[in-house]
Amino acid sequence: MRTTLDLDEKLIEELLKATEAKTKTEAIHLAISELIRRQKLEKLKSLSGKIRIDLNWRRREKAEMEHQKRLKRH
């Protein structure tokens, strides 16, 4: 998608150096991708301690199967 932007030249120069991109377009794509990636990581970090994951799924599956068998017997 083509877009016209008014960007600070010094920021773009710094971005080109930081990303080692060959073009301004590549540098901006890298910067946007990195920002999005970091925001997603922050959202995941914010869930820390709020979600409990039972990593022993085999034990839970076995208990569920036994429960289902008992239900069928009645």
C-alpha atoms as a PDB file:
ATOM      1  CA  MET A   1       0.000   0.000   0.000  1.00  0.00           C
ATOM      2  CA  ARG A   2       1.376   3.374  -0.939  1.00  0.00           C
ATOM      3  CA  THR A   3       1.190   6.100   1.693  1.00  0.00           C
ATOM      4  CA  THR A   4       2.664   9.571   1.867  1.00  0.00           C
ATOM      5  CA  LEU A   5       4.121  10.444   5.264  1.00  0.00           C
ATOM      6  CA  ASP A   6       5.901  13.456   6.690  1.00  0.00           C
ATOM      7  CA  LEU A   7       8.655  11.887   8.805  1.00  0.00           C
ATOM      8  CA  ASP A   8      11.481  13.418  10.799  1.00  0.00           C
ATOM      9  CA  GLU A   9      14.657  12.900   8.734  1.00  0.00           C
ATOM     10  CA  LYS A  10      16.873  12.440  11.782  1.00  0.00           C
ATOM     11  CA  LEU A  11      14.580   9.735  13.141  1.00  0.00           C
ATOM     12  CA  ILE A  12      14.590   7.934   9.806  1.00  0.00           C
ATOM     13  CA  GLU A  13      18.397   8.118   9.626  1.00  0.00           C
ATOM     14  CA  GLU A  14      18.642   6.725  13.156  1.00  0.00           C
ATOM     15  CA  LEU A  15      16.131   4.013  12.277  1.00  0.00           C
ATOM     16  CA  LEU A  16      18.143   3.024   9.196  1.00  0.00           C
ATOM     17  CA  LYS A  17      21.294   2.714  11.304  1.00  0.00           C
ATOM     18  CA  ALA A  18      19.553   0.811  14.097  1.00  0.00           C
ATOM     19  CA  THR A  19      17.853  -1.691  11.787  1.00  0.00           C
ATOM     20  CA  GLU A  20      20.654  -1.883   9.210  1.00  0.00           C
ATOM     21  CA  ALA A  21      17.885  -1.869   6.620  1.00  0.00           C
ATOM     22  CA  LYS A  22      18.769  -1.080   3.036  1.00  0.00           C
ATOM     23  CA  THR A  23      15.719   1.071   2.371  1.00  0.00           C
ATOM     24  CA  LYS A  24      13.467   3.393   4.320  1.00  0.00           C
ATOM     25  CA  THR A  25      10.516   1.147   3.531  1.00  0.00           C
ATOM     26  CA  GLU A  26      12.309  -1.897   4.938  1.00  0.00           C
ATOM     27  CA  ALA A  27      13.318   0.037   8.060  1.00  0.00           C
ATOM     28  CA  ILE A  28       9.763   1.215   8.680  1.00  0.00           C
ATOM     29  CA  HIS A  29       8.389  -2.305   8.159  1.00  0.00           C
ATOM     30  CA  LEU A  30      10.906  -3.666  10.675  1.00  0.00           C
ATOM     31  CA  ALA A  31      10.049  -0.956  13.189  1.00  0.00           C
ATOM     32  CA  ILE A  32       6.306  -1.520  12.848  1.00  0.00           C
ATOM     33  CA  SER A  33       6.700  -5.297  13.158  1.00  0.00           C
ATOM     34  CA  GLU A  34       8.870  -4.911  16.249  1.00  0.00           C
ATOM     35  CA  LEU A  35       6.424  -2.527  17.905  1.00  0.00           C
ATOM     36  CA  ILE A  36       3.531  -4.909  17.290  1.00  0.00           C
ATOM     37  CA  ARG A  37       5.574  -7.875  18.573  1.00  0.00           C
ATOM     38  CA  ARG A  38       6.481  -6.007  21.766  1.00  0.00           C
ATOM     39  CA  GLN A  39       2.882  -4.971  22.396  1.00  0.00           C
ATOM     40  CA  LYS A  40       1.732  -8.576  22.019  1.00  0.00           C
ATOM     41  CA  LEU A  41       4.416  -9.686  24.483  1.00  0.00           C
ATOM     42  CA  GLU A  42       3.276  -7.052  26.969  1.00  0.00           C
ATOM     43  CA  LYS A  43      -0.295  -8.326  26.709  1.00  0.00           C
ATOM     44  CA  LEU A  44       0.932 -11.860  27.370  1.00  0.00           C
ATOM     45  CA  LYS A  45       2.997 -10.665  30.335  1.00  0.00           C
ATOM     46  CA  SER A  46      -0.048  -8.951  31.792  1.00  0.00           C
ATOM     47  CA  LEU A  47      -1.781 -12.349  31.935  1.00  0.00           C
ATOM     48  CA  SER A  48       0.951 -13.741  34.182  1.00  0.00           C
ATOM     49  CA  GLY A  49      -0.603 -15.168  37.321  1.00  0.00           C
ATOM     50  CA  LYS A  50      -4.139 -14.757  35.979  1.00  0.00           C
ATOM     51  CA  ILE A  51      -4.331 -17.999  34.045  1.00  0.00           C
ATOM     52  CA  ARG A  52      -3.692 -21.406  35.576  1.00  0.00           C
ATOM     53  CA  ILE A  53      -2.610 -24.061  33.130  1.00  0.00           C
ATOM     54  CA  ASP A  54      -2.619 -27.680  34.223  1.00  0.00           C
ATOM     55  CA  LEU A  55       0.415 -29.128  32.490  1.00  0.00           C
ATOM     56  CA  ASN A  56      -0.399 -32.668  33.630  1.00  0.00           C
ATOM     57  CA  TRP A  57      -3.137 -33.152  31.021  1.00  0.00           C
ATOM     58  CA  ARG A  58      -2.786 -36.932  30.988  1.00  0.00           C
ATOM     59  CA  ARG A  59      -3.805 -37.154  34.639  1.00  0.00           C
ATOM     60  CA  ARG A  60      -6.773 -34.848  33.991  1.00  0.00           C
ATOM     61  CA  GLU A  61      -7.756 -36.824  30.891  1.00  0.00           C
ATOM     62  CA  LYS A  62      -7.633 -40.114  32.837  1.00  0.00           C
ATOM     63  CA  ALA A  63      -9.797 -38.637  35.612  1.00  0.00           C
ATOM     64  CA  GLU A  64     -12.292 -37.358  33.027  1.00  0.00           C
ATOM     65  CA  MET A  65     -12.469 -40.765  31.314  1.00  0.00           C
ATOM     66  CA  GLU A  66     -13.100 -42.489  34.658  1.00  0.00           C
ATOM     67  CA  HIS A  67     -15.798 -39.957  35.449  1.00  0.00           C
ATOM     68  CA  GLN A  68     -17.478 -40.581  32.090  1.00  0.00           C
ATOM     69  CA  LYS A  69     -17.412 -44.367  32.691  1.00  0.00           C
ATOM     70  CA  ARG A  70     -19.083 -43.895  36.075  1.00  0.00           C
ATOM     71  CA  LEU A  71     -21.790 -41.741  34.499  1.00  0.00           C
ATOM     72  CA  LYS A  72     -22.538 -44.407  31.864  1.00  0.00           C
ATOM     73  CA  ARG A  73     -22.927 -47.105  34.534  1.00  0.00           C
ATOM     74  CA  HIS A  74     -25.746 -45.243  36.306  1.00  0.00           C
END
